[in-house]
């Protein structure tokens, strides 16, 4: 069956959720208590887990291969978000500090940022706009690019 990358990503997320549920069942359903009927059997759930994991690996591989033309945008978004975090953590203090020398003499030291608040806001806004532009390209690519995958 041919599906778009957008659909494939939704299926990947659903498979990931189902795998998490199966892992929890396998962990919690291995012990059998006399005269108590278990809702799940770890051996059966383990087979389902293996099959779903194989499907997820297949799907992730196909998505990754199909995404090669847009890796630049995907990596660009990740790096831009990292830069935004750095800029948002940057201290911007413009003030005078009074310090004292060992002999008691007062010294005023002025602290000025290399990048002021306005410049920082402009840098962050530029990065946010770049992220939106790259995400639009990714979304368009995902909506039109198709892969073969049997659900």
N, C-alpha and C. Protein backbone atom coordinates (compact mmCIF):
# COMPACT_ATOMS: atom_id res chain seq x y z
N UNK A 1 0.84 -1.17 0.00
CA UNK A 1 0.00 0.00 0.00
C UNK A 1 0.89 1.24 0.00
N UNK A 2 0.48 2.24 -0.74
CA UNK A 2 1.24 3.49 -0.80
C UNK A 2 0.61 4.50 0.15
N UNK A 3 1.45 5.07 1.02
CA UNK A 3 0.98 6.08 1.98
C UNK A 3 1.92 7.28 1.97
N UNK A 4 1.39 8.43 2.36
CA UNK A 4 2.23 9.62 2.44
C UNK A 4 3.11 9.53 3.69
N UNK A 5 4.18 10.31 3.69
CA UNK A 5 5.03 10.37 4.89
C UNK A 5 4.24 10.90 6.08
N UNK A 6 3.33 11.83 5.84
CA UNK A 6 2.51 12.36 6.94
C UNK A 6 1.73 11.23 7.60
N UNK A 7 1.13 10.36 6.80
CA UNK A 7 0.39 9.21 7.33
C UNK A 7 1.36 8.24 8.00
N UNK A 8 2.51 8.03 7.39
CA UNK A 8 3.51 7.12 7.95
C UNK A 8 3.95 7.57 9.35
N UNK A 9 4.11 8.89 9.52
CA UNK A 9 4.51 9.42 10.83
C UNK A 9 3.43 9.18 11.87
N UNK A 10 2.17 9.30 11.47
CA UNK A 10 1.06 9.01 12.40
C UNK A 10 1.05 7.53 12.77
N UNK A 11 1.28 6.68 11.79
CA UNK A 11 1.32 5.24 12.05
C UNK A 11 2.50 4.92 12.97
N UNK A 12 3.64 5.56 12.73
CA UNK A 12 4.82 5.35 13.59
C UNK A 12 4.50 5.69 15.04
N UNK A 13 3.84 6.82 15.24
CA UNK A 13 3.48 7.22 16.60
C UNK A 13 2.51 6.22 17.24
N UNK A 14 1.56 5.73 16.45
CA UNK A 14 0.60 4.74 16.97
C UNK A 14 1.32 3.43 17.31
N UNK A 15 2.21 2.98 16.43
CA UNK A 15 2.98 1.76 16.71
C UNK A 15 3.81 1.91 17.99
N UNK A 16 4.42 3.06 18.15
CA UNK A 16 5.23 3.33 19.34
C UNK A 16 4.38 3.24 20.60
N UNK A 17 3.18 3.79 20.54
CA UNK A 17 2.26 3.73 21.68
C UNK A 17 1.86 2.28 21.97
N UNK A 18 1.52 1.54 20.92
CA UNK A 18 1.12 0.14 21.09
C UNK A 18 2.28 -0.70 21.65
N UNK A 19 3.49 -0.42 21.20
CA UNK A 19 4.66 -1.15 21.69
C UNK A 19 4.88 -0.87 23.17
N UNK A 20 4.70 0.35 23.58
CA UNK A 20 4.83 0.69 25.01
C UNK A 20 3.81 -0.09 25.83
N UNK A 21 2.58 -0.16 25.35
CA UNK A 21 1.54 -0.92 26.05
C UNK A 21 1.90 -2.41 26.10
N UNK A 22 2.38 -2.95 25.00
CA UNK A 22 2.77 -4.37 24.96
C UNK A 22 3.94 -4.64 25.90
N UNK A 23 4.92 -3.75 25.95
CA UNK A 23 6.05 -3.92 26.87
C UNK A 23 5.55 -4.00 28.31
N UNK A 24 4.62 -3.13 28.66
CA UNK A 24 4.07 -3.14 30.01
C UNK A 24 3.34 -4.44 30.30
N UNK A 25 2.59 -4.94 29.33
CA UNK A 25 1.87 -6.21 29.52
C UNK A 25 2.84 -7.37 29.68
N UNK A 26 3.90 -7.38 28.85
CA UNK A 26 4.88 -8.47 28.94
C UNK A 26 5.54 -8.47 30.32
N UNK A 27 5.89 -7.28 30.80
CA UNK A 27 6.53 -7.16 32.11
C UNK A 27 5.62 -7.63 33.24
N UNK A 28 4.34 -7.33 33.11
CA UNK A 28 3.43 -7.57 34.24
C UNK A 28 2.64 -8.86 34.15
N UNK A 29 2.75 -9.60 33.07
CA UNK A 29 1.90 -10.79 32.93
C UNK A 29 2.68 -12.09 32.82
N UNK A 30 3.88 -12.12 33.33
CA UNK A 30 4.69 -13.33 33.20
C UNK A 30 4.41 -14.36 34.29
N UNK A 31 3.96 -13.94 35.43
CA UNK A 31 3.72 -14.87 36.53
C UNK A 31 2.29 -15.37 36.52
N UNK A 32 2.14 -16.67 36.76
CA UNK A 32 0.83 -17.30 36.78
C UNK A 32 0.52 -17.69 38.21
N UNK A 33 -0.61 -17.22 38.71
CA UNK A 33 -1.03 -17.59 40.06
C UNK A 33 -2.11 -18.66 39.94
N UNK A 34 -2.03 -19.68 40.79
CA UNK A 34 -3.02 -20.75 40.78
C UNK A 34 -4.43 -20.19 40.90
N UNK A 35 -5.33 -20.75 40.11
CA UNK A 35 -6.75 -20.42 40.13
C UNK A 35 -7.06 -18.95 39.86
N UNK A 36 -6.11 -18.25 39.27
CA UNK A 36 -6.35 -16.87 38.88
C UNK A 36 -6.11 -16.76 37.38
N UNK A 37 -7.09 -16.28 36.70
CA UNK A 37 -6.97 -16.16 35.24
C UNK A 37 -6.33 -14.82 34.90
N UNK A 38 -5.23 -14.87 34.19
CA UNK A 38 -4.53 -13.65 33.76
C UNK A 38 -5.25 -13.06 32.54
N UNK A 39 -5.27 -11.75 32.49
CA UNK A 39 -5.85 -11.07 31.34
C UNK A 39 -4.99 -11.28 30.11
N UNK A 40 -3.69 -11.27 30.32
CA UNK A 40 -2.74 -11.43 29.22
C UNK A 40 -1.74 -12.52 29.56
N UNK A 41 -1.16 -13.09 28.52
CA UNK A 41 -0.08 -14.06 28.69
C UNK A 41 1.18 -13.45 28.10
N UNK A 42 2.25 -13.46 28.89
CA UNK A 42 3.48 -12.81 28.43
C UNK A 42 4.03 -13.45 27.15
N UNK A 43 3.84 -14.76 26.98
CA UNK A 43 4.35 -15.39 25.76
C UNK A 43 3.61 -14.88 24.52
N UNK A 44 2.30 -14.76 24.62
CA UNK A 44 1.51 -14.25 23.50
C UNK A 44 1.80 -12.77 23.25
N UNK A 45 1.85 -12.01 24.34
CA UNK A 45 2.11 -10.58 24.22
C UNK A 45 3.53 -10.34 23.69
N UNK A 46 4.46 -11.21 24.07
CA UNK A 46 5.83 -11.11 23.58
C UNK A 46 5.92 -11.29 22.07
N UNK A 47 5.13 -12.23 21.53
CA UNK A 47 5.10 -12.44 20.07
C UNK A 47 4.53 -11.20 19.38
N UNK A 48 3.46 -10.64 19.96
CA UNK A 48 2.87 -9.42 19.39
C UNK A 48 3.88 -8.27 19.46
N UNK A 49 4.60 -8.19 20.58
CA UNK A 49 5.60 -7.13 20.76
C UNK A 49 6.70 -7.23 19.70
N UNK A 50 7.18 -8.43 19.47
CA UNK A 50 8.22 -8.64 18.47
C UNK A 50 7.73 -8.26 17.07
N UNK A 51 6.51 -8.67 16.74
CA UNK A 51 5.95 -8.36 15.42
C UNK A 51 5.77 -6.85 15.23
N UNK A 52 5.23 -6.19 16.25
CA UNK A 52 5.04 -4.73 16.16
C UNK A 52 6.38 -4.00 16.07
N UNK A 53 7.35 -4.47 16.83
CA UNK A 53 8.68 -3.86 16.81
C UNK A 53 9.30 -4.01 15.42
N UNK A 54 9.15 -5.17 14.81
CA UNK A 54 9.65 -5.38 13.45
C UNK A 54 8.98 -4.42 12.46
N UNK A 55 7.67 -4.23 12.61
CA UNK A 55 6.94 -3.30 11.75
C UNK A 55 7.44 -1.88 11.95
N UNK A 56 7.68 -1.51 13.21
CA UNK A 56 8.16 -0.16 13.51
C UNK A 56 9.55 0.06 12.90
N UNK A 57 10.40 -0.92 13.00
CA UNK A 57 11.75 -0.81 12.42
C UNK A 57 11.64 -0.63 10.90
N UNK A 58 10.79 -1.43 10.28
CA UNK A 58 10.59 -1.32 8.83
C UNK A 58 10.10 0.08 8.45
N UNK A 59 9.12 0.57 9.20
CA UNK A 59 8.54 1.88 8.90
C UNK A 59 9.55 3.00 9.13
N UNK A 60 10.26 2.95 10.25
CA UNK A 60 11.26 3.99 10.53
C UNK A 60 12.34 4.02 9.45
N UNK A 61 12.74 2.85 8.98
CA UNK A 61 13.75 2.77 7.93
C UNK A 61 13.24 3.43 6.65
N UNK A 62 12.00 3.13 6.28
CA UNK A 62 11.44 3.71 5.05
C UNK A 62 11.26 5.22 5.18
N UNK A 63 10.84 5.67 6.35
CA UNK A 63 10.69 7.11 6.58
C UNK A 63 12.06 7.80 6.48
N UNK A 64 13.05 7.20 7.12
CA UNK A 64 14.39 7.78 7.10
C UNK A 64 14.94 7.86 5.68
N UNK A 65 14.76 6.80 4.92
CA UNK A 65 15.25 6.80 3.54
C UNK A 65 14.53 7.85 2.69
N UNK A 66 13.22 7.96 2.88
CA UNK A 66 12.43 8.92 2.11
C UNK A 66 12.77 10.37 2.49
N UNK A 67 13.18 10.57 3.74
CA UNK A 67 13.47 11.92 4.23
C UNK A 67 14.82 12.48 3.78
N UNK A 68 15.63 11.70 3.10
CA UNK A 68 16.97 12.17 2.75
C UNK A 68 16.99 13.53 2.05
N UNK A 69 16.04 13.86 1.18
CA UNK A 69 16.09 15.18 0.55
C UNK A 69 15.83 16.35 1.51
N UNK A 70 15.24 16.07 2.68
CA UNK A 70 14.91 17.17 3.60
C UNK A 70 15.69 17.11 4.91
N UNK A 71 16.71 16.27 4.98
CA UNK A 71 17.50 16.20 6.22
C UNK A 71 18.04 17.56 6.61
N UNK A 72 18.42 18.36 5.63
CA UNK A 72 18.94 19.70 5.91
C UNK A 72 17.93 20.51 6.73
N UNK A 73 16.67 20.42 6.37
CA UNK A 73 15.63 21.17 7.09
C UNK A 73 15.38 20.57 8.47
N UNK A 74 15.37 19.26 8.55
CA UNK A 74 15.15 18.58 9.84
C UNK A 74 16.26 18.94 10.82
N UNK A 75 17.50 18.80 10.37
CA UNK A 75 18.64 19.15 11.23
C UNK A 75 18.66 20.65 11.52
N UNK A 76 18.30 21.44 10.53
CA UNK A 76 18.27 22.90 10.70
C UNK A 76 17.32 23.32 11.81
N UNK A 77 16.17 22.69 11.89
CA UNK A 77 15.21 23.00 12.95
C UNK A 77 15.79 22.65 14.32
N UNK A 78 16.39 21.48 14.41
CA UNK A 78 16.98 21.05 15.68
C UNK A 78 18.04 22.02 16.15
N UNK A 79 18.92 22.39 15.25
CA UNK A 79 20.01 23.31 15.61
C UNK A 79 19.49 24.71 15.94
N UNK A 80 18.50 25.17 15.19
CA UNK A 80 17.93 26.50 15.45
C UNK A 80 17.27 26.53 16.84
N UNK A 81 16.59 25.46 17.21
CA UNK A 81 15.98 25.40 18.54
C UNK A 81 17.06 25.44 19.63
N UNK A 82 18.18 24.78 19.38
CA UNK A 82 19.29 24.82 20.33
C UNK A 82 19.86 26.22 20.48
N UNK A 83 19.98 26.93 19.36
CA UNK A 83 20.46 28.32 19.40
C UNK A 83 19.49 29.23 20.16
N UNK A 84 18.21 29.03 19.92
CA UNK A 84 17.20 29.82 20.64
C UNK A 84 17.34 29.61 22.14
N UNK A 85 17.53 28.36 22.56
CA UNK A 85 17.71 28.08 23.98
C UNK A 85 18.92 28.82 24.54
N UNK A 86 20.02 28.81 23.80
CA UNK A 86 21.24 29.50 24.24
C UNK A 86 20.98 31.00 24.38
N UNK A 87 20.37 31.59 23.35
CA UNK A 87 20.11 33.03 23.39
C UNK A 87 19.15 33.39 24.53
N UNK A 88 18.16 32.55 24.76
CA UNK A 88 17.20 32.83 25.83
C UNK A 88 17.83 32.71 27.22
N UNK A 89 18.90 31.94 27.34
CA UNK A 89 19.59 31.80 28.63
C UNK A 89 20.68 32.86 28.83
N UNK A 90 20.99 33.59 27.78
CA UNK A 90 22.06 34.57 27.82
C UNK A 90 21.71 35.72 28.79
N UNK A 91 22.66 36.07 29.63
CA UNK A 91 22.46 37.19 30.54
C UNK A 91 22.65 38.50 29.81
N UNK A 92 21.72 39.40 30.06
CA UNK A 92 21.82 40.73 29.46
C UNK A 92 21.67 41.72 30.61
N UNK A 93 22.81 42.09 31.16
CA UNK A 93 22.83 42.99 32.30
C UNK A 93 23.66 44.22 31.94
N UNK A 94 23.04 45.35 32.09
CA UNK A 94 23.74 46.62 31.85
C UNK A 94 23.68 47.40 33.16
N UNK A 95 24.76 47.28 33.94
CA UNK A 95 24.73 47.92 35.26
C UNK A 95 26.13 48.22 35.77
N UNK A 96 26.16 49.04 36.79
CA UNK A 96 27.42 49.33 37.47
C UNK A 96 27.50 48.47 38.73
N UNK A 97 28.66 47.90 38.97
CA UNK A 97 28.90 47.11 40.18
C UNK A 97 30.00 47.79 40.99
N UNK A 98 29.75 47.88 42.28
CA UNK A 98 30.76 48.47 43.16
C UNK A 98 31.54 47.33 43.79
N UNK A 99 32.86 47.37 43.62
CA UNK A 99 33.75 46.38 44.22
C UNK A 99 34.79 47.13 45.06
N UNK A 100 35.41 46.41 45.95
CA UNK A 100 36.41 47.03 46.81
C UNK A 100 37.74 46.30 46.68
N UNK A 101 38.79 47.09 46.57
CA UNK A 101 40.15 46.55 46.54
C UNK A 101 40.52 46.16 47.97
N UNK A 102 41.59 45.36 48.13
CA UNK A 102 42.01 44.96 49.48
C UNK A 102 42.29 46.15 50.41
N UNK A 103 42.70 47.28 49.84
CA UNK A 103 42.99 48.45 50.69
C UNK A 103 41.74 49.27 51.02
N UNK A 104 40.55 48.77 50.56
CA UNK A 104 39.30 49.45 50.87
C UNK A 104 38.86 50.47 49.84
N UNK A 105 39.65 50.66 48.81
CA UNK A 105 39.30 51.61 47.77
C UNK A 105 38.13 51.06 46.95
N UNK A 106 37.16 51.94 46.75
CA UNK A 106 35.98 51.56 45.97
C UNK A 106 36.29 51.64 44.48
N UNK A 107 35.86 50.61 43.73
CA UNK A 107 36.04 50.60 42.29
C UNK A 107 34.67 50.31 41.66
N UNK A 108 34.28 51.13 40.71
CA UNK A 108 33.02 50.91 40.00
C UNK A 108 33.34 50.23 38.67
N UNK A 109 32.73 49.11 38.48
CA UNK A 109 32.92 48.36 37.23
C UNK A 109 31.56 48.33 36.50
N UNK A 110 31.59 48.69 35.26
CA UNK A 110 30.38 48.72 34.45
C UNK A 110 30.29 47.43 33.65
N UNK A 111 29.14 46.81 33.72
CA UNK A 111 28.87 45.60 32.96
C UNK A 111 27.96 45.97 31.80
N UNK A 112 28.40 45.65 30.60
CA UNK A 112 27.61 45.91 29.39
C UNK A 112 27.60 44.62 28.56
N UNK A 113 26.45 44.27 28.02
CA UNK A 113 26.38 43.06 27.19
C UNK A 113 26.89 43.33 25.77
N UNK A 114 27.44 42.30 25.17
CA UNK A 114 27.81 42.41 23.75
C UNK A 114 26.54 42.48 22.91
N UNK A 115 25.56 41.65 23.29
CA UNK A 115 24.28 41.60 22.59
C UNK A 115 23.22 42.11 23.56
N UNK A 116 22.52 43.18 23.16
CA UNK A 116 21.50 43.73 24.05
C UNK A 116 20.16 43.02 23.85
N UNK A 117 19.17 43.38 24.65
CA UNK A 117 17.85 42.73 24.61
C UNK A 117 17.21 42.83 23.23
N UNK A 118 17.31 43.98 22.62
CA UNK A 118 16.71 44.18 21.29
C UNK A 118 17.39 43.29 20.25
N UNK A 119 18.72 43.23 20.30
CA UNK A 119 19.46 42.38 19.36
C UNK A 119 19.13 40.90 19.59
N UNK A 120 19.04 40.52 20.85
CA UNK A 120 18.70 39.13 21.18
C UNK A 120 17.32 38.78 20.64
N UNK A 121 16.36 39.66 20.85
CA UNK A 121 14.99 39.42 20.37
C UNK A 121 14.98 39.28 18.84
N UNK A 122 15.78 40.08 18.17
CA UNK A 122 15.86 40.03 16.71
C UNK A 122 16.48 38.69 16.25
N UNK A 123 17.53 38.26 16.94
CA UNK A 123 18.16 36.96 16.62
C UNK A 123 17.17 35.82 16.82
N UNK A 124 16.49 35.82 17.95
CA UNK A 124 15.53 34.75 18.26
C UNK A 124 14.39 34.75 17.25
N UNK A 125 13.86 35.92 16.93
CA UNK A 125 12.77 36.02 15.96
C UNK A 125 13.22 35.50 14.60
N UNK A 126 14.43 35.82 14.19
CA UNK A 126 14.95 35.32 12.92
C UNK A 126 15.04 33.80 12.90
N UNK A 127 15.50 33.24 14.01
CA UNK A 127 15.59 31.77 14.12
C UNK A 127 14.19 31.15 14.12
N UNK A 128 13.26 31.75 14.84
CA UNK A 128 11.88 31.23 14.86
C UNK A 128 11.26 31.27 13.48
N UNK A 129 11.51 32.34 12.73
CA UNK A 129 10.99 32.43 11.35
C UNK A 129 11.63 31.36 10.46
N UNK A 130 12.92 31.12 10.65
CA UNK A 130 13.60 30.07 9.88
C UNK A 130 13.01 28.70 10.20
N UNK A 131 12.69 28.47 11.47
CA UNK A 131 12.08 27.19 11.86
C UNK A 131 10.72 27.03 11.18
N UNK A 132 9.91 28.07 11.18
CA UNK A 132 8.60 28.01 10.54
C UNK A 132 8.74 27.71 9.05
N UNK A 133 9.69 28.37 8.40
CA UNK A 133 9.93 28.16 6.97
C UNK A 133 10.36 26.72 6.70
N UNK A 134 11.29 26.23 7.50
CA UNK A 134 11.77 24.85 7.32
C UNK A 134 10.65 23.85 7.61
N UNK A 135 9.85 24.12 8.66
CA UNK A 135 8.76 23.20 9.00
C UNK A 135 7.71 23.17 7.89
N UNK A 136 7.44 24.30 7.27
CA UNK A 136 6.50 24.34 6.14
C UNK A 136 7.00 23.46 4.99
N UNK A 137 8.31 23.53 4.72
CA UNK A 137 8.89 22.70 3.65
C UNK A 137 8.79 21.22 4.01
N UNK A 138 9.05 20.90 5.27
CA UNK A 138 8.94 19.51 5.73
C UNK A 138 7.50 19.03 5.62
N UNK A 139 6.55 19.85 6.08
CA UNK A 139 5.14 19.47 6.03
C UNK A 139 4.68 19.23 4.60
N UNK A 140 5.10 20.10 3.69
CA UNK A 140 4.75 19.96 2.28
C UNK A 140 5.34 18.67 1.71
N UNK A 141 6.60 18.42 2.05
CA UNK A 141 7.28 17.20 1.59
C UNK A 141 6.56 15.97 2.13
N UNK A 142 6.22 15.99 3.42
CA UNK A 142 5.55 14.84 4.05
C UNK A 142 4.17 14.59 3.48
N UNK A 143 3.51 15.65 3.03
CA UNK A 143 2.15 15.51 2.49
C UNK A 143 2.15 14.96 1.07
N UNK A 144 3.25 15.14 0.36
CA UNK A 144 3.29 14.73 -1.05
C UNK A 144 4.18 13.52 -1.33
N UNK A 145 5.10 13.22 -0.44
CA UNK A 145 6.02 12.10 -0.67
C UNK A 145 5.38 10.81 -0.18
N UNK A 146 5.48 9.77 -0.98
CA UNK A 146 4.82 8.50 -0.64
C UNK A 146 5.84 7.39 -0.50
N UNK A 147 5.50 6.45 0.37
CA UNK A 147 6.31 5.24 0.56
C UNK A 147 5.41 4.03 0.50
N UNK A 148 6.00 2.87 0.28
CA UNK A 148 5.26 1.61 0.31
C UNK A 148 5.32 1.04 1.71
N UNK A 149 4.16 0.73 2.29
CA UNK A 149 4.13 0.13 3.62
C UNK A 149 2.81 -0.59 3.81
N UNK A 150 2.90 -1.82 4.25
CA UNK A 150 1.71 -2.62 4.56
C UNK A 150 1.42 -2.53 6.05
N UNK A 151 0.27 -2.03 6.37
CA UNK A 151 -0.11 -1.85 7.77
C UNK A 151 -0.47 -3.18 8.39
